[in-house]
Amino acid sequence: MNKERLEVVLDSKEELVPGILLISLKPNQNTPFKAGQHMGITIPTPNGSVERFFSNASPPNKTGIIEIIVKLIPGGVASDFFDQ
């Protein structure tokens, strides 16, 4: 299993419907991802960091951007991180 580490920056955040976000991330290098492929995202916390897993929601023809869908769960580490 190849566990390549990428750094990403937030490109955009869009609320699709209440409580559901479309997060677009721009990686520091172009890496091919396939629709449905999952990735672990390291979320910083006051006590270090945690990893949460998301599926790639980007269409196959979109390059240079990784899109994920986030359901906001009250008090959820990733939810709070992406909501802010």
C-alpha atoms as a PDB file:
ATOM      1  CA  MET A   1       0.000   0.000   0.000  1.00  0.00           C
ATOM      2  CA  ASN A   2       1.464   3.346  -1.080  1.00  0.00           C
ATOM      3  CA  LYS A   3       1.046   5.966   1.626  1.00  0.00           C
ATOM      4  CA  GLU A   4       2.188   9.153  -0.077  1.00  0.00           C
ATOM      5  CA  ARG A   5       2.001  12.299   2.015  1.00  0.00           C
ATOM      6  CA  LEU A   6       0.829  15.538   0.389  1.00  0.00           C
ATOM      7  CA  GLU A   7       0.480  19.003   1.753  1.00  0.00           C
ATOM      8  CA  VAL A   8      -2.685  20.771   0.673  1.00  0.00           C
ATOM      9  CA  VAL A   9      -4.194  24.234   1.032  1.00  0.00           C
ATOM     10  CA  LEU A  10      -7.872  25.072   1.105  1.00  0.00           C
ATOM     11  CA  ASP A  11      -8.925  26.212  -2.368  1.00  0.00           C
ATOM     12  CA  SER A  12     -12.631  26.691  -1.626  1.00  0.00           C
ATOM     13  CA  LYS A  13     -15.446  25.678   0.689  1.00  0.00           C
ATOM     14  CA  GLU A  14     -19.092  25.573  -0.397  1.00  0.00           C
ATOM     15  CA  GLU A  15     -22.156  24.655   1.622  1.00  0.00           C
ATOM     16  CA  LEU A  16     -24.133  22.367  -0.690  1.00  0.00           C
ATOM     17  CA  VAL A  17     -27.091  22.041   1.690  1.00  0.00           C
ATOM     18  CA  PRO A  18     -27.289  22.815   5.415  1.00  0.00           C
ATOM     19  CA  GLY A  19     -24.707  20.673   7.206  1.00  0.00           C
ATOM     20  CA  ILE A  20     -22.935  19.385   4.057  1.00  0.00           C
ATOM     21  CA  LEU A  21     -19.748  21.032   2.746  1.00  0.00           C
ATOM     22  CA  LEU A  22     -17.865  20.592  -0.517  1.00  0.00           C
ATOM     23  CA  ILE A  23     -14.200  21.162   0.330  1.00  0.00           C
ATOM     24  CA  SER A  24     -11.727  21.756  -2.506  1.00  0.00           C
ATOM     25  CA  LEU A  25      -8.073  21.199  -1.630  1.00  0.00           C
ATOM     26  CA  LYS A  26      -5.079  22.139  -3.750  1.00  0.00           C
ATOM     27  CA  PRO A  27      -2.139  19.717  -3.321  1.00  0.00           C
ATOM     28  CA  ASN A  28       1.476  20.880  -3.412  1.00  0.00           C
ATOM     29  CA  GLN A  29       2.094  18.475  -6.303  1.00  0.00           C
ATOM     30  CA  ASN A  30      -0.066  16.960  -9.003  1.00  0.00           C
ATOM     31  CA  THR A  31      -0.945  13.428  -7.975  1.00  0.00           C
ATOM     32  CA  PRO A  32      -3.469  11.318  -9.848  1.00  0.00           C
ATOM     33  CA  PHE A  33      -6.488  10.360  -7.781  1.00  0.00           C
ATOM     34  CA  LYS A  34      -9.419   8.268  -8.905  1.00  0.00           C
ATOM     35  CA  ALA A  35     -13.034   8.983  -8.042  1.00  0.00           C
ATOM     36  CA  GLY A  36     -13.939   7.042  -4.900  1.00  0.00           C
ATOM     37  CA  GLN A  37     -10.333   6.589  -3.781  1.00  0.00           C
ATOM     38  CA  HIS A  38      -9.949   7.355  -0.088  1.00  0.00           C
ATOM     39  CA  MET A  39      -7.386   9.454   1.718  1.00  0.00           C
ATOM     40  CA  GLY A  40      -6.479  10.149   5.304  1.00  0.00           C
ATOM     41  CA  ILE A  41      -6.425  13.812   6.289  1.00  0.00           C
ATOM     42  CA  THR A  42      -4.465  14.852   9.371  1.00  0.00           C
ATOM     43  CA  ILE A  43      -6.487  17.310  11.471  1.00  0.00           C
ATOM     44  CA  PRO A  44      -4.642  19.439  14.027  1.00  0.00           C
ATOM     45  CA  THR A  45      -6.073  19.432  17.557  1.00  0.00           C
ATOM     46  CA  PRO A  46      -4.999  21.099  20.813  1.00  0.00           C
ATOM     47  CA  ASN A  47      -3.564  17.720  21.905  1.00  0.00           C
ATOM     48  CA  GLY A  48      -1.679  16.881  18.688  1.00  0.00           C
ATOM     49  CA  SER A  49      -3.519  15.598  15.635  1.00  0.00           C
ATOM     50  CA  VAL A  50      -5.992  12.960  14.480  1.00  0.00           C
ATOM     51  CA  GLU A  51      -6.503  11.332  11.111  1.00  0.00           C
ATOM     52  CA  ARG A  52      -9.911  11.194   9.438  1.00  0.00           C
ATOM     53  CA  PHE A  53     -10.650   9.389   6.182  1.00  0.00           C
ATOM     54  CA  PHE A  54     -12.563  10.777   3.210  1.00  0.00           C
ATOM     55  CA  SER A  55     -13.386   9.582  -0.289  1.00  0.00           C
ATOM     56  CA  ASN A  56     -12.295  11.626  -3.267  1.00  0.00           C
ATOM     57  CA  ALA A  57     -15.396  13.292  -4.709  1.00  0.00           C
ATOM     58  CA  SER A  58     -13.584  14.959  -7.629  1.00  0.00           C
ATOM     59  CA  PRO A  59     -14.713  14.068 -11.137  1.00  0.00           C
ATOM     60  CA  PRO A  60     -12.065  12.107 -13.076  1.00  0.00           C
ATOM     61  CA  ASN A  61     -11.440  15.001 -15.514  1.00  0.00           C
ATOM     62  CA  LYS A  62     -10.623  17.508 -12.754  1.00  0.00           C
ATOM     63  CA  THR A  63      -6.897  17.802 -12.099  1.00  0.00           C
ATOM     64  CA  GLY A  64      -4.950  19.853  -9.579  1.00  0.00           C
ATOM     65  CA  ILE A  65      -7.832  19.849  -7.079  1.00  0.00           C
ATOM     66  CA  ILE A  66      -9.004  17.218  -4.606  1.00  0.00           C
ATOM     67  CA  GLU A  67     -12.635  17.528  -3.543  1.00  0.00           C
ATOM     68  CA  ILE A  68     -14.196  15.912  -0.494  1.00  0.00           C
ATOM     69  CA  ILE A  69     -17.694  16.054   0.968  1.00  0.00           C
ATOM     70  CA  VAL A  70     -17.925  16.708   4.703  1.00  0.00           C
ATOM     71  CA  LYS A  71     -21.053  16.138   6.762  1.00  0.00           C
ATOM     72  CA  LEU A  72     -20.929  18.470   9.737  1.00  0.00           C
ATOM     73  CA  ILE A  73     -21.402  16.589  12.990  1.00  0.00           C
ATOM     74  CA  PRO A  74     -21.700  18.779  16.111  1.00  0.00           C
ATOM     75  CA  GLY A  75     -18.497  18.452  18.135  1.00  0.00           C
ATOM     76  CA  GLY A  76     -16.773  16.365  15.440  1.00  0.00           C
ATOM     77  CA  VAL A  77     -13.050  17.085  15.138  1.00  0.00           C
ATOM     78  CA  ALA A  78     -13.039  17.212  11.323  1.00  0.00           C
ATOM     79  CA  SER A  79     -16.438  18.941  11.226  1.00  0.00           C
ATOM     80  CA  ASP A  80     -15.249  21.743  13.485  1.00  0.00           C
ATOM     81  CA  PHE A  81     -11.970  22.051  11.564  1.00  0.00           C
ATOM     82  CA  PHE A  82     -13.589  22.313   8.115  1.00  0.00           C
ATOM     83  CA  ASP A  83     -16.508  24.450   9.316  1.00  0.00           C
ATOM     84  CA  GLN A  84     -14.082  27.082  10.603  1.00  0.00           C
END
